[in-house]
Protein backbone atom coordinates (compact mmCIF):
# COMPACT_ATOMS: atom_id res chain seq x y z
CA MET A 1 -10.94 16.77 94.45
CA SER A 2 -8.34 19.32 93.37
CA GLY A 3 -7.22 21.57 96.17
CA GLU A 4 -7.77 18.85 98.78
CA HIS A 5 -5.20 18.30 101.50
CA PRO A 6 -2.65 15.57 100.62
CA ASN A 7 -3.91 13.38 103.49
CA ALA A 8 -7.48 13.60 102.16
CA LEU A 9 -6.16 12.54 98.76
CA ALA A 10 -4.22 9.70 100.41
CA TYR A 11 -7.47 8.50 102.02
CA ARG A 12 -9.25 8.58 98.64
CA ARG A 13 -6.39 6.57 97.09
CA THR A 14 -6.65 4.07 99.97
CA ALA A 15 -10.41 3.64 99.46
CA ASP A 16 -9.85 3.17 95.72
CA ALA A 17 -7.11 0.61 96.42
CA PHE A 18 -9.51 -1.30 98.69
CA ARG A 19 -12.22 -1.28 96.02
CA SER A 20 -9.80 -2.58 93.38
CA ALA A 21 -8.04 -5.04 95.76
CA ASP A 22 -4.70 -3.34 95.03
CA GLN A 23 -2.54 -4.79 97.82
CA VAL A 24 0.57 -2.90 96.68
CA ALA A 25 -1.18 0.48 96.93
CA LEU A 26 -2.69 -0.45 100.31
CA ALA A 27 0.76 -1.33 101.64
CA ALA A 28 2.12 2.05 100.53
CA LEU A 29 -0.77 4.03 102.02
CA ILE A 30 -1.23 2.25 105.36
CA ALA A 31 1.38 2.37 108.12
CA ILE A 32 2.87 -0.95 109.19
CA ASP A 33 1.73 -0.25 112.79
CA VAL A 34 -1.80 0.88 111.84
CA VAL A 35 -4.67 0.38 114.31
CA TRP A 36 -8.35 0.34 113.33
CA HIS A 37 -10.98 0.56 116.07
CA VAL A 38 -14.05 -1.28 114.72
CA PRO A 39 -17.20 -0.89 116.85
CA GLY A 40 -20.09 -3.29 117.14
CA THR A 41 -21.15 -6.65 118.46
CA HIS A 42 -20.37 -8.55 115.26
CA PRO A 43 -17.53 -11.10 114.94
CA MET A 44 -15.22 -8.63 113.13
CA ALA A 45 -15.45 -5.94 115.85
CA GLY A 46 -12.47 -4.92 117.94
CA ASP A 47 -9.04 -3.44 117.35
CA ILE A 48 -7.25 -4.51 114.17
CA ARG A 49 -3.51 -4.06 114.73
CA GLY A 50 -0.86 -4.01 112.03
CA ARG A 51 -0.96 -3.70 108.26
CA ASP A 52 -0.87 -7.45 107.59
CA GLN A 53 -3.81 -8.08 109.94
CA LEU A 54 -5.72 -5.17 108.41
CA VAL A 55 -5.19 -6.38 104.84
CA ALA A 56 -6.44 -9.85 105.89
CA TRP A 57 -9.45 -8.23 107.63
CA LEU A 58 -10.23 -6.16 104.50
CA THR A 59 -10.02 -9.29 102.34
CA GLN A 60 -12.54 -10.99 104.61
CA LEU A 61 -14.76 -7.90 104.49
CA ARG A 62 -14.68 -7.75 100.70
CA ALA A 63 -15.89 -11.39 100.63
CA LYS A 64 -18.97 -10.27 102.60
CA GLY A 65 -20.12 -8.00 99.76
CA PHE A 66 -18.97 -4.83 101.52
CA TRP A 67 -19.01 -1.53 99.64
CA LEU A 68 -18.47 2.13 100.47
CA THR A 69 -18.91 5.50 98.84
CA GLU A 70 -17.54 8.80 100.06
CA HIS A 71 -19.79 11.80 100.59
CA ASP A 72 -16.99 14.13 101.67
CA VAL A 73 -13.39 13.92 102.86
CA LEU A 74 -11.67 16.62 104.90
CA GLY A 75 -8.03 16.60 105.94
CA ASN A 76 -5.19 18.47 107.57
CA ASP A 77 -1.58 17.62 108.46
CA GLU A 78 -2.57 15.05 111.11
CA HIS A 79 -6.18 14.00 110.61
CA VAL A 80 -8.76 13.06 108.00
CA CYS A 81 -12.51 12.91 108.45
CA ALA A 82 -14.43 10.86 105.87
CA LEU A 83 -18.22 11.02 105.61
CA SER A 84 -19.27 7.80 103.89
CA ILE A 85 -22.08 5.41 103.20
CA MET A 86 -21.04 1.83 103.92
CA GLY A 87 -23.01 -1.30 103.27
CA ALA A 88 -23.09 -4.92 102.23
CA GLN A 89 -25.00 -6.76 99.57
CA ARG A 90 -24.94 -10.54 99.57
CA ASN A 91 -27.38 -13.42 99.80
CA GLY A 92 -30.06 -12.37 102.31
CA VAL A 93 -28.37 -9.07 103.20
CA ASP A 94 -28.84 -5.65 101.61
CA VAL A 95 -28.05 -3.00 104.20
CA GLN A 96 -26.29 0.35 104.49
CA THR A 97 -25.63 3.14 106.96
CA ARG A 98 -23.91 6.50 107.04
CA VAL A 99 -20.53 6.44 108.80
CA VAL A 100 -18.15 9.09 110.04
CA SER A 101 -14.54 7.89 110.08
CA VAL A 102 -11.76 9.80 111.79
CA PHE A 103 -8.16 8.99 110.88
CA HIS A 104 -4.76 9.89 112.24
CA TYR A 105 -2.13 10.26 109.50
CA ARG A 106 1.65 10.22 109.75
CA GLU A 107 3.83 11.12 106.76
CA GLY A 108 1.02 10.47 104.30
CA GLN A 109 0.13 7.05 105.73
CA GLN A 110 -2.97 6.01 107.61
CA LEU A 111 -1.95 5.32 111.21
CA GLU A 112 -5.27 4.97 113.08
CA ARG A 113 -9.00 4.87 112.28
CA TRP A 114 -12.16 5.22 114.34
CA PHE A 115 -15.63 4.44 112.90
CA TYR A 116 -18.88 6.10 114.02
CA PRO A 117 -21.87 4.45 112.28
CA GLU A 118 -25.26 6.15 112.36
CA ASP A 119 -27.25 2.88 112.56
CA CYS A 120 -25.54 0.33 114.82
CA ALA A 121 -27.95 -2.49 113.91
CA ALA A 122 -27.26 -1.99 110.20
CA TRP A 123 -23.53 -1.75 110.98
CA ASP A 124 -23.59 -5.15 112.70
CA GLN A 125 -25.49 -6.69 109.76
CA ILE A 126 -22.78 -5.51 107.37
CA PHE A 127 -20.26 -7.72 109.17
CA ALA A 128 -22.54 -10.63 110.14
CA GLU A 129 -21.78 -14.20 109.13
């Protein structure tokens, strides 16, 4: 990870904070006016607006057995691209898909995120009730 752009490192810290449920770190790394664009036909799809709403959404997601691992993270002064595998493991569900996420960063904080899952059916299962 050494030599990575500071925004790529900020993304990695954000993912680690999510995994460890570190709300303080998430608040420092995510802009108060953040917007996440979540695709799909599942109940959690749509635009998530604002840090408080996003933290609540992430808490709900964690309860669904969600996990992610990064394959690669690339960044510059304005954007980060994360190549990940995302999935969920819970009673009756064990699914995963590769996902490309594109982020807009401002002053080291995540401002906006777009998800592009490879397998839309698997993606919807990750978020299903």
